[in-house]
C-alpha atoms as a PDB file:
ATOM      1  CA  UNK A   1     119.030  54.783  63.294  1.00  0.00           C
ATOM      2  CA  UNK A   2     117.909  58.038  61.724  1.00  0.00           C
ATOM      3  CA  UNK A   3     120.271  60.790  60.788  1.00  0.00           C
ATOM      4  CA  UNK A   4     119.693  64.534  60.095  1.00  0.00           C
ATOM      5  CA  UNK A   5     121.585  67.424  58.744  1.00  0.00           C
ATOM      6  CA  UNK A   6     118.944  70.055  59.355  1.00  0.00           C
ATOM      7  CA  UNK A   7     120.226  73.102  61.131  1.00  0.00           C
ATOM      8  CA  UNK A   8     123.043  74.942  62.988  1.00  0.00           C
ATOM      9  CA  UNK A   9     122.660  76.050  66.566  1.00  0.00           C
ATOM     10  CA  UNK A  10     124.482  77.479  69.453  1.00  0.00           C
ATOM     11  CA  UNK A  11     123.527  78.575  72.967  1.00  0.00           C
ATOM     12  CA  UNK A  12     125.022  80.347  75.908  1.00  0.00           C
ATOM     13  CA  UNK A  13     128.197  78.853  77.511  1.00  0.00           C
ATOM     14  CA  UNK A  14     127.722  77.345  80.963  1.00  0.00           C
ATOM     15  CA  UNK A  15     128.088  80.233  83.367  1.00  0.00           C
ATOM     16  CA  UNK A  16     126.613  81.578  86.617  1.00  0.00           C
ATOM     17  CA  UNK A  17     124.777  84.289  84.711  1.00  0.00           C
ATOM     18  CA  UNK A  18     120.999  84.116  84.149  1.00  0.00           C
ATOM     19  CA  UNK A  19     120.868  87.254  82.051  1.00  0.00           C
ATOM     20  CA  UNK A  20     119.465  87.149  78.587  1.00  0.00           C
ATOM     21  CA  UNK A  21     122.529  87.102  76.467  1.00  0.00           C
ATOM     22  CA  UNK A  22     123.661  85.817  73.055  1.00  0.00           C
ATOM     23  CA  UNK A  23     127.123  84.070  72.819  1.00  0.00           C
ATOM     24  CA  UNK A  24     129.834  84.545  70.385  1.00  0.00           C
ATOM     25  CA  UNK A  25     129.151  82.946  66.961  1.00  0.00           C
ATOM     26  CA  UNK A  26     130.443  79.449  66.249  1.00  0.00           C
ATOM     27  CA  UNK A  27     132.707  79.506  63.212  1.00  0.00           C
ATOM     28  CA  UNK A  28     133.541  75.849  62.373  1.00  0.00           C
ATOM     29  CA  UNK A  29     132.464  75.136  58.856  1.00  0.00           C
ATOM     30  CA  UNK A  30     132.444  71.341  59.098  1.00  0.00           C
ATOM     31  CA  UNK A  31     128.873  69.992  58.579  1.00  0.00           C
ATOM     32  CA  UNK A  32     129.008  66.192  59.314  1.00  0.00           C
ATOM     33  CA  UNK A  33     125.974  64.026  59.680  1.00  0.00           C
ATOM     34  CA  UNK A  34     124.771  62.917  63.070  1.00  0.00           C
ATOM     35  CA  UNK A  35     122.484  60.079  64.378  1.00  0.00           C
ATOM     36  CA  UNK A  36     119.579  60.382  66.648  1.00  0.00           C
ATOM     37  CA  UNK A  37     118.807  57.288  68.652  1.00  0.00           C
ATOM     38  CA  UNK A  38     115.274  55.964  68.524  1.00  0.00           C
ATOM     39  CA  UNK A  39     113.446  56.350  71.779  1.00  0.00           C
ATOM     40  CA  UNK A  40     110.322  54.831  73.341  1.00  0.00           C
ATOM     41  CA  UNK A  41     106.927  55.822  71.897  1.00  0.00           C
ATOM     42  CA  UNK A  42     105.774  58.979  73.675  1.00  0.00           C
ATOM     43  CA  UNK A  43     109.326  60.101  74.746  1.00  0.00           C
ATOM     44  CA  UNK A  44     110.542  63.541  74.156  1.00  0.00           C
ATOM     45  CA  UNK A  45     113.423  63.960  71.702  1.00  0.00           C
ATOM     46  CA  UNK A  46     114.158  67.654  71.772  1.00  0.00           C
ATOM     47  CA  UNK A  47     116.239  69.875  69.591  1.00  0.00           C
ATOM     48  CA  UNK A  48     117.506  73.283  70.608  1.00  0.00           C
ATOM     49  CA  UNK A  49     117.510  75.943  67.945  1.00  0.00           C
ATOM     50  CA  UNK A  50     119.154  79.462  68.012  1.00  0.00           C
ATOM     51  CA  UNK A  51     117.557  81.389  65.133  1.00  0.00           C
ATOM     52  CA  UNK A  52     120.166  84.072  65.342  1.00  0.00           C
ATOM     53  CA  UNK A  53     122.648  81.519  63.994  1.00  0.00           C
ATOM     54  CA  UNK A  54     120.386  79.499  61.784  1.00  0.00           C
ATOM     55  CA  UNK A  55     117.215  81.312  60.587  1.00  0.00           C
ATOM     56  CA  UNK A  56     113.989  79.189  60.936  1.00  0.00           C
ATOM     57  CA  UNK A  57     113.636  79.510  57.171  1.00  0.00           C
ATOM     58  CA  UNK A  58     116.818  77.485  56.610  1.00  0.00           C
ATOM     59  CA  UNK A  59     115.822  74.540  58.752  1.00  0.00           C
ATOM     60  CA  UNK A  60     114.514  71.413  57.129  1.00  0.00           C
ATOM     61  CA  UNK A  61     111.718  70.447  59.443  1.00  0.00           C
ATOM     62  CA  UNK A  62     110.854  67.324  57.486  1.00  0.00           C
ATOM     63  CA  UNK A  63     114.353  66.065  58.080  1.00  0.00           C
ATOM     64  CA  UNK A  64     113.924  66.784  61.868  1.00  0.00           C
ATOM     65  CA  UNK A  65     110.662  64.891  61.915  1.00  0.00           C
ATOM     66  CA  UNK A  66     112.081  61.996  59.986  1.00  0.00           C
ATOM     67  CA  UNK A  67     115.029  61.859  62.420  1.00  0.00           C
ATOM     68  CA  UNK A  68     112.625  61.457  65.322  1.00  0.00           C
ATOM     69  CA  UNK A  69     112.592  64.997  66.782  1.00  0.00           C
ATOM     70  CA  UNK A  70     109.279  65.585  68.693  1.00  0.00           C
ATOM     71  CA  UNK A  71     109.937  68.964  70.171  1.00  0.00           C
ATOM     72  CA  UNK A  72     111.937  72.096  69.295  1.00  0.00           C
ATOM     73  CA  UNK A  73     113.091  74.628  71.826  1.00  0.00           C
ATOM     74  CA  UNK A  74     113.730  77.979  70.036  1.00  0.00           C
ATOM     75  CA  UNK A  75     115.777  80.644  71.721  1.00  0.00           C
ATOM     76  CA  UNK A  76     113.911  83.952  71.891  1.00  0.00           C
ATOM     77  CA  UNK A  77     114.317  87.242  73.594  1.00  0.00           C
ATOM     78  CA  UNK A  78     111.806  89.993  74.641  1.00  0.00           C
ATOM     79  CA  UNK A  79     112.743  91.880  71.529  1.00  0.00           C
ATOM     80  CA  UNK A  80     112.243  89.091  68.865  1.00  0.00           C
ATOM     81  CA  UNK A  81     109.779  86.454  70.097  1.00  0.00           C
ATOM     82  CA  UNK A  82     106.897  87.847  67.928  1.00  0.00           C
ATOM     83  CA  UNK A  83     108.973  87.626  64.757  1.00  0.00           C
ATOM     84  CA  UNK A  84     110.527  84.228  65.460  1.00  0.00           C
ATOM     85  CA  UNK A  85     107.913  81.990  67.060  1.00  0.00           C
ATOM     86  CA  UNK A  86     105.022  82.214  64.652  1.00  0.00           C
ATOM     87  CA  UNK A  87     107.259  80.921  61.775  1.00  0.00           C
ATOM     88  CA  UNK A  88     108.804  78.251  63.897  1.00  0.00           C
ATOM     89  CA  UNK A  89     105.372  76.960  65.067  1.00  0.00           C
ATOM     90  CA  UNK A  90     103.915  77.029  61.634  1.00  0.00           C
ATOM     91  CA  UNK A  91     106.762  74.944  60.257  1.00  0.00           C
ATOM     92  CA  UNK A  92     106.843  72.625  63.179  1.00  0.00           C
ATOM     93  CA  UNK A  93     103.081  72.171  63.210  1.00  0.00           C
ATOM     94  CA  UNK A  94     103.170  71.259  59.514  1.00  0.00           C
ATOM     95  CA  UNK A  95     105.202  68.126  60.304  1.00  0.00           C
ATOM     96  CA  UNK A  96     103.825  67.310  63.693  1.00  0.00           C
ATOM     97  CA  UNK A  97     106.596  68.671  65.985  1.00  0.00           C
ATOM     98  CA  UNK A  98     105.779  70.610  69.099  1.00  0.00           C
ATOM     99  CA  UNK A  99     107.183  74.066  69.658  1.00  0.00           C
ATOM    100  CA  UNK A 100     108.602  75.686  72.814  1.00  0.00           C
ATOM    101  CA  UNK A 101     110.049  79.097  73.454  1.00  0.00           C
ATOM    102  CA  UNK A 102     113.492  78.785  75.106  1.00  0.00           C
ATOM    103  CA  UNK A 103     113.904  81.806  77.347  1.00  0.00           C
ATOM    104  CA  UNK A 104     116.086  83.194  80.136  1.00  0.00           C
ATOM    105  CA  UNK A 105     115.031  84.899  83.363  1.00  0.00           C
ATOM    106  CA  UNK A 106     113.664  88.335  82.686  1.00  0.00           C
ATOM    107  CA  UNK A 107     111.545  87.226  79.753  1.00  0.00           C
ATOM    108  CA  UNK A 108     108.294  89.237  80.047  1.00  0.00           C
ATOM    109  CA  UNK A 109     105.916  87.679  77.561  1.00  0.00           C
ATOM    110  CA  UNK A 110     105.281  84.128  78.809  1.00  0.00           C
ATOM    111  CA  UNK A 111     101.468  84.655  78.691  1.00  0.00           C
ATOM    112  CA  UNK A 112     101.623  85.924  75.137  1.00  0.00           C
ATOM    113  CA  UNK A 113     103.582  82.837  74.127  1.00  0.00           C
ATOM    114  CA  UNK A 114     100.975  80.730  75.834  1.00  0.00           C
ATOM    115  CA  UNK A 115      98.327  82.428  73.761  1.00  0.00           C
ATOM    116  CA  UNK A 116     100.256  81.318  70.691  1.00  0.00           C
ATOM    117  CA  UNK A 117      99.848  77.712  72.017  1.00  0.00           C
ATOM    118  CA  UNK A 118     103.568  77.415  72.349  1.00  0.00           C
ATOM    119  CA  UNK A 119     105.314  75.908  75.348  1.00  0.00           C
ATOM    120  CA  UNK A 120     107.869  77.745  77.411  1.00  0.00           C
ATOM    121  CA  UNK A 121     111.246  76.577  78.748  1.00  0.00           C
ATOM    122  CA  UNK A 122     112.916  78.742  81.287  1.00  0.00           C
ATOM    123  CA  UNK A 123     116.754  78.309  81.356  1.00  0.00           C
ATOM    124  CA  UNK A 124     118.054  79.049  84.790  1.00  0.00           C
ATOM    125  CA  UNK A 125     121.777  78.402  85.053  1.00  0.00           C
ATOM    126  CA  UNK A 126     122.729  79.589  88.430  1.00  0.00           C
ATOM    127  CA  UNK A 127     124.091  78.559  91.790  1.00  0.00           C
ATOM    128  CA  UNK A 128     121.391  80.638  93.460  1.00  0.00           C
ATOM    129  CA  UNK A 129     118.405  78.695  92.228  1.00  0.00           C
ATOM    130  CA  UNK A 130     116.347  79.357  95.253  1.00  0.00           C
ATOM    131  CA  UNK A 131     116.210  83.092  94.360  1.00  0.00           C
ATOM    132  CA  UNK A 132     114.454  82.229  91.071  1.00  0.00           C
ATOM    133  CA  UNK A 133     111.585  80.180  92.586  1.00  0.00           C
ATOM    134  CA  UNK A 134     109.245  83.228  92.592  1.00  0.00           C
ATOM    135  CA  UNK A 135     109.912  83.810  88.896  1.00  0.00           C
ATOM    136  CA  UNK A 136     109.495  80.149  88.134  1.00  0.00           C
ATOM    137  CA  UNK A 137     106.196  80.144  90.006  1.00  0.00           C
ATOM    138  CA  UNK A 138     104.966  83.276  88.223  1.00  0.00           C
ATOM    139  CA  UNK A 139     105.913  81.903  84.804  1.00  0.00           C
ATOM    140  CA  UNK A 140     104.007  78.702  85.612  1.00  0.00           C
ATOM    141  CA  UNK A 141     100.921  80.731  86.310  1.00  0.00           C
ATOM    142  CA  UNK A 142     101.422  82.766  83.052  1.00  0.00           C
ATOM    143  CA  UNK A 143     101.681  79.500  81.024  1.00  0.00           C
ATOM    144  CA  UNK A 144      98.597  77.590  82.138  1.00  0.00           C
ATOM    145  CA  UNK A 145      97.394  75.494  79.310  1.00  0.00           C
ATOM    146  CA  UNK A 146     100.772  74.853  77.642  1.00  0.00           C
ATOM    147  CA  UNK A 147     103.880  72.944  78.674  1.00  0.00           C
ATOM    148  CA  UNK A 148     106.252  74.791  80.982  1.00  0.00           C
ATOM    149  CA  UNK A 149     109.671  73.337  81.702  1.00  0.00           C
ATOM    150  CA  UNK A 150     112.797  74.463  83.606  1.00  0.00           C
ATOM    151  CA  UNK A 151     116.358  73.801  82.469  1.00  0.00           C
ATOM    152  CA  UNK A 152     118.799  73.697  85.345  1.00  0.00           C
ATOM    153  CA  UNK A 153     122.229  72.448  86.555  1.00  0.00           C
ATOM    154  CA  UNK A 154     121.982  68.871  87.786  1.00  0.00           C
ATOM    155  CA  UNK A 155     121.094  68.604  91.504  1.00  0.00           C
ATOM    156  CA  UNK A 156     123.913  67.239  93.706  1.00  0.00           C
ATOM    157  CA  UNK A 157     126.362  67.114  90.749  1.00  0.00           C
ATOM    158  CA  UNK A 158     126.390  70.980  90.936  1.00  0.00           C
ATOM    159  CA  UNK A 159     125.094  71.845  94.393  1.00  0.00           C
ATOM    160  CA  UNK A 160     121.577  72.227  95.717  1.00  0.00           C
ATOM    161  CA  UNK A 161     119.294  73.102  92.768  1.00  0.00           C
ATOM    162  CA  UNK A 162     116.120  73.000  94.842  1.00  0.00           C
ATOM    163  CA  UNK A 163     114.297  70.555  92.666  1.00  0.00           C
ATOM    164  CA  UNK A 164     111.834  69.908  95.340  1.00  0.00           C
ATOM    165  CA  UNK A 165     110.720  73.510  95.140  1.00  0.00           C
ATOM    166  CA  UNK A 166     110.719  73.629  91.303  1.00  0.00           C
ATOM    167  CA  UNK A 167     108.893  70.394  90.580  1.00  0.00           C
ATOM    168  CA  UNK A 168     105.463  71.648  91.695  1.00  0.00           C
ATOM    169  CA  UNK A 169     105.574  74.567  89.169  1.00  0.00           C
ATOM    170  CA  UNK A 170     106.746  72.792  85.992  1.00  0.00           C
ATOM    171  CA  UNK A 171     105.822  69.856  83.759  1.00  0.00           C
ATOM    172  CA  UNK A 172     109.457  68.695  83.806  1.00  0.00           C
ATOM    173  CA  UNK A 173     112.957  69.649  84.722  1.00  0.00           C
ATOM    174  CA  UNK A 174     115.800  69.407  82.207  1.00  0.00           C
ATOM    175  CA  UNK A 175     119.083  68.863  84.136  1.00  0.00           C
ATOM    176  CA  UNK A 176     122.148  69.616  82.060  1.00  0.00           C
ATOM    177  CA  UNK A 177     123.829  66.235  82.435  1.00  0.00           C
ATOM    178  CA  UNK A 178     126.882  67.156  80.535  1.00  0.00           C
ATOM    179  CA  UNK A 179     129.647  64.503  81.062  1.00  0.00           C
ATOM    180  CA  UNK A 180     132.203  66.884  79.504  1.00  0.00           C
ATOM    181  CA  UNK A 181     131.683  69.387  82.243  1.00  0.00           C
ATOM    182  CA  UNK A 182     131.567  67.160  85.261  1.00  0.00           C
ATOM    183  CA  UNK A 183     133.832  64.419  86.673  1.00  0.00           C
ATOM    184  CA  UNK A 184     131.283  61.743  85.960  1.00  0.00           C
ATOM    185  CA  UNK A 185     130.919  58.686  83.692  1.00  0.00           C
ATOM    186  CA  UNK A 186     128.155  56.696  82.041  1.00  0.00           C
ATOM    187  CA  UNK A 187     127.335  54.805  85.136  1.00  0.00           C
ATOM    188  CA  UNK A 188     126.906  58.041  87.094  1.00  0.00           C
ATOM    189  CA  UNK A 189     124.577  59.313  84.394  1.00  0.00           C
ATOM    190  CA  UNK A 190     122.491  56.198  84.626  1.00  0.00           C
ATOM    191  CA  UNK A 191     122.575  56.179  88.459  1.00  0.00           C
ATOM    192  CA  UNK A 192     121.465  59.888  88.556  1.00  0.00           C
ATOM    193  CA  UNK A 193     118.547  59.517  86.319  1.00  0.00           C
ATOM    194  CA  UNK A 194     117.405  56.314  88.132  1.00  0.00           C
ATOM    195  CA  UNK A 195     117.537  58.019  91.537  1.00  0.00           C
ATOM    196  CA  UNK A 196     115.809  61.166  90.401  1.00  0.00           C
ATOM    197  CA  UNK A 197     113.132  59.295  88.587  1.00  0.00           C
ATOM    198  CA  UNK A 198     112.382  57.615  91.887  1.00  0.00           C
ATOM    199  CA  UNK A 199     112.342  60.988  93.693  1.00  0.00           C
ATOM    200  CA  UNK A 200     110.410  62.830  91.032  1.00  0.00           C
ATOM    201  CA  UNK A 201     108.732  60.292  88.772  1.00  0.00           C
ATOM    202  CA  UNK A 202     107.970  61.532  85.323  1.00  0.00           C
ATOM    203  CA  UNK A 203     109.545  64.874  85.929  1.00  0.00           C
ATOM    204  CA  UNK A 204     112.990  64.414  84.349  1.00  0.00           C
ATOM    205  CA  UNK A 205     113.951  65.026  80.755  1.00  0.00           C
ATOM    206  CA  UNK A 206     117.728  64.709  80.366  1.00  0.00           C
ATOM    207  CA  UNK A 207     119.725  67.460  78.729  1.00  0.00           C
ATOM    208  CA  UNK A 208     122.624  65.781  76.851  1.00  0.00           C
ATOM    209  CA  UNK A 209     125.751  67.431  75.701  1.00  0.00           C
ATOM    210  CA  UNK A 210     126.639  66.558  72.063  1.00  0.00           C
ATOM    211  CA  UNK A 211     130.163  67.957  71.957  1.00  0.00           C
ATOM    212  CA  UNK A 212     133.298  67.165  73.963  1.00  0.00           C
ATOM    213  CA  UNK A 213     133.222  70.079  76.432  1.00  0.00           C
ATOM    214  CA  UNK A 214     132.898  73.829  76.651  1.00  0.00           C
ATOM    215  CA  UNK A 215     136.633  73.924  75.855  1.00  0.00           C
ATOM    216  CA  UNK A 216     136.379  71.583  72.864  1.00  0.00           C
ATOM    217  CA  UNK A 217     133.351  71.764  70.567  1.00  0.00           C
ATOM    218  CA  UNK A 218     134.296  68.686  68.623  1.00  0.00           C
ATOM    219  CA  UNK A 219     131.064  66.645  68.115  1.00  0.00           C
ATOM    220  CA  UNK A 220     130.671  63.442  70.003  1.00  0.00           C
ATOM    221  CA  UNK A 221     130.602  60.369  67.825  1.00  0.00           C
ATOM    222  CA  UNK A 222     127.702  57.989  67.200  1.00  0.00           C
ATOM    223  CA  UNK A 223     128.682  55.370  69.769  1.00  0.00           C
ATOM    224  CA  UNK A 224     129.133  57.852  72.595  1.00  0.00           C
ATOM    225  CA  UNK A 225     125.901  59.672  71.953  1.00  0.00           C
ATOM    226  CA  UNK A 226     123.977  56.417  71.690  1.00  0.00           C
ATOM    227  CA  UNK A 227     125.492  55.129  74.914  1.00  0.00           C
ATOM    228  CA  UNK A 228     124.586  58.324  76.786  1.00  0.00           C
ATOM    229  CA  UNK A 229     121.063  58.251  75.419  1.00  0.00           C
ATOM    230  CA  UNK A 230     120.469  54.682  76.352  1.00  0.00           C
ATOM    231  CA  UNK A 231     121.849  55.335  79.807  1.00  0.00           C
ATOM    232  CA  UNK A 232     119.014  57.761  80.607  1.00  0.00           C
ATOM    233  CA  UNK A 233     116.078  56.898  78.415  1.00  0.00           C
ATOM    234  CA  UNK A 234     114.441  54.340  80.694  1.00  0.00           C
ATOM    235  CA  UNK A 235     114.407  56.624  83.659  1.00  0.00           C
ATOM    236  CA  UNK A 236     113.453  59.870  81.971  1.00  0.00           C
ATOM    237  CA  UNK A 237     110.740  61.260  79.739  1.00  0.00           C
ATOM    238  CA  UNK A 238     113.284  61.704  76.994  1.00  0.00           C
ATOM    239  CA  UNK A 239     116.281  63.805  76.094  1.00  0.00           C
ATOM    240  CA  UNK A 240     117.011  67.295  74.653  1.00  0.00           C
ATOM    241  CA  UNK A 241     120.166  67.647  72.592  1.00  0.00           C
ATOM    242  CA  UNK A 242     122.290  70.623  73.412  1.00  0.00           C
ATOM    243  CA  UNK A 243     124.965  71.818  71.014  1.00  0.00           C
ATOM    244  CA  UNK A 244     127.490  74.464  70.352  1.00  0.00           C
ATOM    245  CA  UNK A 245     127.644  75.385  66.693  1.00  0.00           C
ATOM    246  CA  UNK A 246     126.480  72.910  64.136  1.00  0.00           C
ATOM    247  CA  UNK A 247     124.111  70.341  65.447  1.00  0.00           C
ATOM    248  CA  UNK A 248     125.588  67.355  63.662  1.00  0.00           C
ATOM    249  CA  UNK A 249     127.739  64.327  64.578  1.00  0.00           C
ATOM    250  CA  UNK A 250     130.437  62.399  62.780  1.00  0.00           C
ATOM    251  CA  UNK A 251     129.124  58.870  62.136  1.00  0.00           C
ATOM    252  CA  UNK A 252     132.297  57.162  63.273  1.00  0.00           C
END
């Protein structure tokens, strides 16, 4: 079981908005270690990074690699992608980690990111997913040659997310399967990924929450995180870890 203490991170709270916004800073100063479960060879083990909270220069990419991280998803905006992504890619490339730009609707430079040979993940957290299908389709066309993924609310758990319309235009969907935000348990997590892997084989990478809830940012412990990961790993292409604040866990 690998551990890493490499970087801090936060991202937008779960809301209906799809605008490109930056959340309030996370102020907890505790920096515990956290474990990352080993996954199958070839699986994605993703790590979200918000460089406005932790600059790329402060991240230990060797530690990420040693912990098993295969992909990083770096939050960028129209105004800063040219200053953030080259540094992130250079550091990630140096240790064999793939880089993706993590963007929100309204991001205008998907083709430029593609030209950097960087993947794109479009984060569409909405109850009106069908309205964004044209933008998803256009972004897929703009990212030919690199990985394009879409992060969404989980279908059925949170209404109709139109996965059948999204799937043709992305390499994989990342449902936000956050047990702290939904009235579900480990078995529901396992059942959901099993069903959706049958419906959309090879198209699901699970987004897992690594803190208690949006009302309690306390990190999940090792046992809980491992249990959730094991519940989804055999029916997904991997997991991407989503955190508020420091991306570390107490090993308890």
